[in-house]
Amino acid sequence: MRSFRHFLRGSTKAEEVQPQQRPSLSLSEQGETKRARRRARQSGNAILEGALIFLPMLAFFLGIIDVSLAIFIQSTLTTATREGTRFAITYSPSYNGTSCVASESTCINSVLQYNAVGLPNGLNTSYVTVNYYTANDLANPVMACNAGTCTTSVCTVSTCQLPQVLNSGAGPTITYANQPGNIVEVVVAGYPWNWLVPMPGFSAGRGITLSARSVDVLGGLPVGTTAPGP
């Protein structure tokens, strides 16, 4: 009987499962574990910070591009009007193979389009107006030309009517709009520019209009030549 009880006690002890103890980590291993957890937290912070900064930075860079393009367009329009005025005061008979005898303003439009080649949408002649003035009245043009058509209907006062004598009768008689000594004005008005990035006071698809103008006195005609038509 004792031997049988002893056998049962031994079997019971053999079947008991000893609890497993967690192995202790060394100081270096503990430090590495903490560093790994810290890196994981920092990685998550970096993603969040990048997401918060990306959109403002993108808007900032696009804004720089927007303003730079607007300045470029304004500078191009100014240069084009100056070149058109320079061409007008020389009374050149042709431009790039096109005759200017019948219409000087048509060649002026060609000069502007040639010098505005870098504009995003080009320079349509509907934006260009060529005005002619006399020295008696620098506020009201005697003639205005737009898109190849010239008209005197812009003159609504007597001081811009032709013919007229300059300096109260003491000067020469002005009989046509682009006569030497008159003033020519080349104007680009209403050129549209839409912002890439919406700005305060504007929205997508709505922008600003740019303009430029240049004025000079028509020079003397070369010897043996006549002035072209306006």
Protein backbone atom coordinates (compact mmCIF):
# COMPACT_ATOMS: atom_id res chain seq x y z
CA MET A 1 0.00 0.00 0.00
CA ARG A 2 2.80 2.44 0.92
CA SER A 3 4.58 1.67 -2.29
CA PHE A 4 1.42 2.40 -4.29
CA ARG A 5 0.87 5.80 -2.52
CA HIS A 6 4.48 6.71 -3.04
CA PHE A 7 4.07 5.92 -6.72
CA LEU A 8 0.99 8.21 -6.98
CA ARG A 9 2.77 11.12 -5.22
CA GLY A 10 5.71 10.81 -7.59
CA SER A 11 3.49 10.81 -10.64
CA THR A 12 1.65 13.91 -9.43
CA LYS A 13 4.91 15.87 -8.91
CA ALA A 14 6.14 14.85 -12.32
CA GLU A 15 2.94 16.16 -13.94
CA GLU A 16 3.14 19.59 -12.23
CA VAL A 17 4.07 22.35 -14.76
CA GLN A 18 6.58 24.79 -13.48
CA PRO A 19 5.76 28.43 -14.37
CA GLN A 20 8.13 29.86 -17.05
CA GLN A 21 10.09 32.84 -15.93
CA ARG A 22 10.63 35.72 -18.44
CA PRO A 23 14.31 36.00 -19.21
CA SER A 24 15.78 39.25 -17.96
CA LEU A 25 17.19 41.67 -20.54
CA SER A 26 20.58 43.19 -20.24
CA LEU A 27 20.98 46.96 -19.93
CA SER A 28 22.07 47.25 -23.57
CA GLU A 29 19.07 45.25 -24.77
CA GLN A 30 16.71 47.38 -22.70
CA GLY A 31 18.23 50.55 -24.16
CA GLU A 32 17.86 49.23 -27.70
CA THR A 33 14.19 48.43 -27.07
CA LYS A 34 13.51 51.95 -25.81
CA ARG A 35 15.30 53.45 -28.77
CA ALA A 36 13.23 51.34 -31.20
CA ARG A 37 10.01 52.56 -29.58
CA ARG A 38 11.23 56.17 -29.74
CA ARG A 39 12.09 55.84 -33.43
CA ALA A 40 8.61 54.48 -34.16
CA ARG A 41 7.00 57.47 -32.42
CA GLN A 42 9.31 59.93 -34.25
CA SER A 43 8.50 58.34 -37.60
CA GLY A 44 4.78 58.86 -37.01
CA ASN A 45 5.37 62.49 -36.01
CA ALA A 46 7.40 63.12 -39.17
CA ILE A 47 4.58 61.82 -41.39
CA LEU A 48 2.05 64.05 -39.63
CA GLU A 49 4.29 67.12 -39.82
CA GLY A 50 4.99 66.50 -43.51
CA ALA A 51 1.26 66.30 -44.26
CA LEU A 52 0.62 69.59 -42.42
CA ILE A 53 3.49 71.43 -44.17
CA PHE A 54 3.05 70.07 -47.72
CA LEU A 55 -0.08 72.01 -48.73
CA PRO A 56 1.11 75.45 -47.46
CA MET A 57 4.50 74.92 -49.12
CA LEU A 58 2.84 73.89 -52.40
CA ALA A 59 0.65 77.01 -52.34
CA PHE A 60 3.72 79.13 -51.58
CA PHE A 61 5.71 77.78 -54.54
CA LEU A 62 2.75 78.08 -56.92
CA GLY A 63 2.25 81.65 -55.71
CA ILE A 64 5.85 82.47 -56.63
CA ILE A 65 5.28 81.03 -60.10
CA ASP A 66 2.03 82.98 -60.45
CA VAL A 67 3.54 86.36 -59.55
CA SER A 68 6.61 85.69 -61.70
CA LEU A 69 4.44 84.92 -64.73
CA ALA A 70 2.36 88.06 -64.20
CA ILE A 71 5.54 90.20 -64.03
CA PHE A 72 6.87 88.48 -67.15
CA ILE A 73 3.65 89.15 -69.08
CA GLN A 74 3.60 92.81 -67.99
CA SER A 75 7.23 93.26 -69.01
CA THR A 76 6.56 91.58 -72.38
CA LEU A 77 3.57 93.82 -73.09
CA THR A 78 5.59 96.93 -72.23
CA THR A 79 8.44 95.87 -74.50
CA ALA A 80 6.04 95.06 -77.34
CA THR A 81 4.33 98.48 -77.20
CA ARG A 82 7.72 100.24 -77.19
CA GLU A 83 8.83 98.29 -80.25
CA GLY A 84 5.54 99.11 -81.98
CA THR A 85 6.02 102.82 -81.30
CA ARG A 86 9.62 102.73 -82.55
CA PHE A 87 8.43 101.12 -85.75
CA ALA A 88 5.65 103.72 -86.20
CA ILE A 89 7.95 106.77 -85.99
CA THR A 90 10.30 105.44 -88.69
CA TYR A 91 7.63 105.07 -91.40
CA SER A 92 9.11 101.79 -92.55
CA PRO A 93 7.49 100.69 -95.85
CA SER A 94 7.36 96.99 -94.87
CA TYR A 95 7.76 94.59 -91.97
CA ASN A 96 8.87 90.96 -92.34
CA GLY A 97 7.88 91.01 -95.99
CA THR A 98 4.46 92.61 -95.37
CA SER A 99 3.81 95.96 -97.05
CA CYS A 100 2.87 98.84 -94.75
CA VAL A 101 1.98 101.32 -97.48
CA ALA A 102 -1.78 100.82 -97.19
CA SER A 103 -1.98 100.54 -93.38
CA GLU A 104 0.71 101.44 -90.87
CA SER A 105 -1.36 100.16 -87.94
CA THR A 106 -1.50 96.66 -89.46
CA CYS A 107 2.30 96.49 -89.44
CA ILE A 108 2.36 97.89 -85.90
CA ASN A 109 0.12 94.99 -84.85
CA SER A 110 2.56 92.56 -86.50
CA VAL A 111 5.45 94.14 -84.58
CA LEU A 112 3.60 93.70 -81.29
CA GLN A 113 2.71 90.08 -82.02
CA TYR A 114 6.31 89.31 -82.97
CA ASN A 115 7.65 90.82 -79.72
CA ALA A 116 4.94 89.15 -77.61
CA VAL A 117 5.77 85.64 -78.80
CA GLY A 118 6.45 84.45 -75.23
CA LEU A 119 2.94 85.18 -73.93
CA PRO A 120 0.93 82.08 -72.90
CA ASN A 121 -1.99 82.85 -75.26
CA GLY A 122 -0.24 85.16 -77.72
CA LEU A 123 -1.40 88.74 -78.33
CA ASN A 124 -4.66 89.08 -80.22
CA THR A 125 -5.04 92.27 -82.28
CA SER A 126 -8.31 93.03 -80.47
CA TYR A 127 -6.23 94.07 -77.44
CA VAL A 128 -4.13 96.53 -79.48
CA THR A 129 -5.14 100.12 -80.28
CA VAL A 130 -3.07 102.70 -82.17
CA ASN A 131 -4.02 106.32 -81.43
CA TYR A 132 -2.85 109.42 -83.31
CA TYR A 133 -2.84 112.89 -81.70
CA THR A 134 -1.89 116.40 -82.74
CA ALA A 135 0.08 118.80 -80.58
CA ASN A 136 -3.03 120.94 -80.17
CA ASP A 137 -4.88 118.23 -78.22
CA LEU A 138 -3.04 115.43 -76.43
CA ALA A 139 -6.18 114.15 -74.71
CA ASN A 140 -8.42 113.39 -77.69
CA PRO A 141 -7.03 111.34 -80.59
CA VAL A 142 -7.77 112.41 -84.16
CA MET A 143 -7.89 108.73 -85.17
CA ALA A 144 -7.87 105.33 -83.48
CA CYS A 145 -7.02 102.03 -85.17
CA ASN A 146 -7.99 98.63 -83.80
CA ALA A 147 -7.77 95.19 -85.44
CA GLY A 148 -6.88 96.76 -88.79
CA THR A 149 -9.76 99.25 -88.80
CA CYS A 150 -9.20 102.99 -88.30
CA THR A 151 -11.90 105.50 -87.35
CA THR A 152 -12.17 109.22 -86.59
CA SER A 153 -15.35 108.75 -84.53
CA VAL A 154 -13.24 108.87 -81.36
CA CYS A 155 -12.83 112.61 -81.96
CA THR A 156 -15.81 114.40 -80.45
CA VAL A 157 -14.36 117.92 -79.92
CA SER A 158 -13.17 120.59 -82.33
CA THR A 159 -9.55 120.49 -81.15
CA CYS A 160 -9.01 117.06 -82.72
CA GLN A 161 -10.77 117.69 -86.01
CA LEU A 162 -8.69 117.67 -89.21
CA PRO A 163 -7.45 119.69 -90.96
CA GLN A 164 -6.13 122.03 -88.29
CA VAL A 165 -3.30 124.52 -87.91
CA LEU A 166 -0.85 124.16 -85.04
CA ASN A 167 0.05 126.90 -82.60
CA SER A 168 -3.03 129.04 -83.23
CA GLY A 169 -2.34 129.57 -86.91
CA ALA A 170 1.42 130.07 -86.69
CA GLY A 171 2.40 126.45 -87.36
CA PRO A 172 1.95 123.97 -90.19
CA THR A 173 -1.39 122.60 -91.26
CA ILE A 174 -2.19 119.03 -90.18
CA THR A 175 -4.14 117.19 -92.85
CA TYR A 176 -3.78 113.48 -91.95
CA ALA A 177 -3.50 111.47 -88.74
CA ASN A 178 0.05 110.09 -89.00
CA GLN A 179 1.62 113.25 -90.37
CA PRO A 180 5.21 113.95 -89.19
CA GLY A 181 5.15 115.89 -85.94
CA ASN A 182 1.97 114.20 -84.68
CA ILE A 183 2.00 111.86 -81.69
CA VAL A 184 1.45 108.11 -81.95
CA GLU A 185 0.32 106.02 -78.98
CA VAL A 186 0.37 102.23 -78.99
CA VAL A 187 -1.88 100.70 -76.32
CA VAL A 188 -2.45 97.14 -75.14
CA ALA A 189 -5.48 97.04 -72.86
CA GLY A 190 -7.54 94.32 -71.19
CA TYR A 191 -5.05 91.46 -71.59
CA PRO A 192 -6.43 88.71 -69.29
CA TRP A 193 -4.38 86.72 -66.81
CA ASN A 194 -5.92 84.04 -64.56
CA TRP A 195 -4.09 83.04 -61.40
CA LEU A 196 -2.98 79.44 -60.97
CA VAL A 197 -3.54 79.71 -57.21
CA PRO A 198 -6.72 81.37 -55.85
CA MET A 199 -5.86 84.64 -54.12
CA PRO A 200 -7.82 86.94 -51.78
CA GLY A 201 -10.43 88.73 -53.86
CA PHE A 202 -10.04 86.29 -56.75
CA SER A 203 -11.03 82.71 -57.41
CA ALA A 204 -10.19 79.92 -59.82
CA GLY A 205 -10.94 81.03 -63.37
CA ARG A 206 -10.99 84.71 -62.40
CA GLY A 207 -7.92 86.91 -62.59
CA ILE A 208 -6.72 90.37 -63.54
CA THR A 209 -6.29 92.37 -66.74
CA LEU A 210 -2.91 93.80 -67.72
CA SER A 211 -2.19 96.81 -69.91
CA ALA A 212 0.74 98.74 -71.35
CA ARG A 213 1.23 101.81 -73.51
CA SER A 214 3.99 103.71 -75.28
CA VAL A 215 3.97 107.22 -76.79
CA ASP A 216 6.37 109.00 -79.18
CA VAL A 217 6.49 111.77 -81.77
CA LEU A 218 6.32 110.75 -85.42
CA GLY A 219 9.63 111.52 -87.08
CA GLY A 220 10.31 113.07 -90.43
CA LEU A 221 9.76 111.15 -93.64
CA PRO A 222 12.77 109.88 -95.58
CA VAL A 223 13.58 111.97 -98.63
CA GLY A 224 11.45 111.08 -101.64
CA THR A 225 8.88 109.02 -99.69
CA THR A 226 5.28 109.57 -98.61
CA ALA A 227 3.63 108.54 -95.36
CA PRO A 228 1.73 105.24 -95.39
CA GLY A 229 -1.94 105.12 -94.57
CA PRO A 230 -2.80 104.98 -90.85
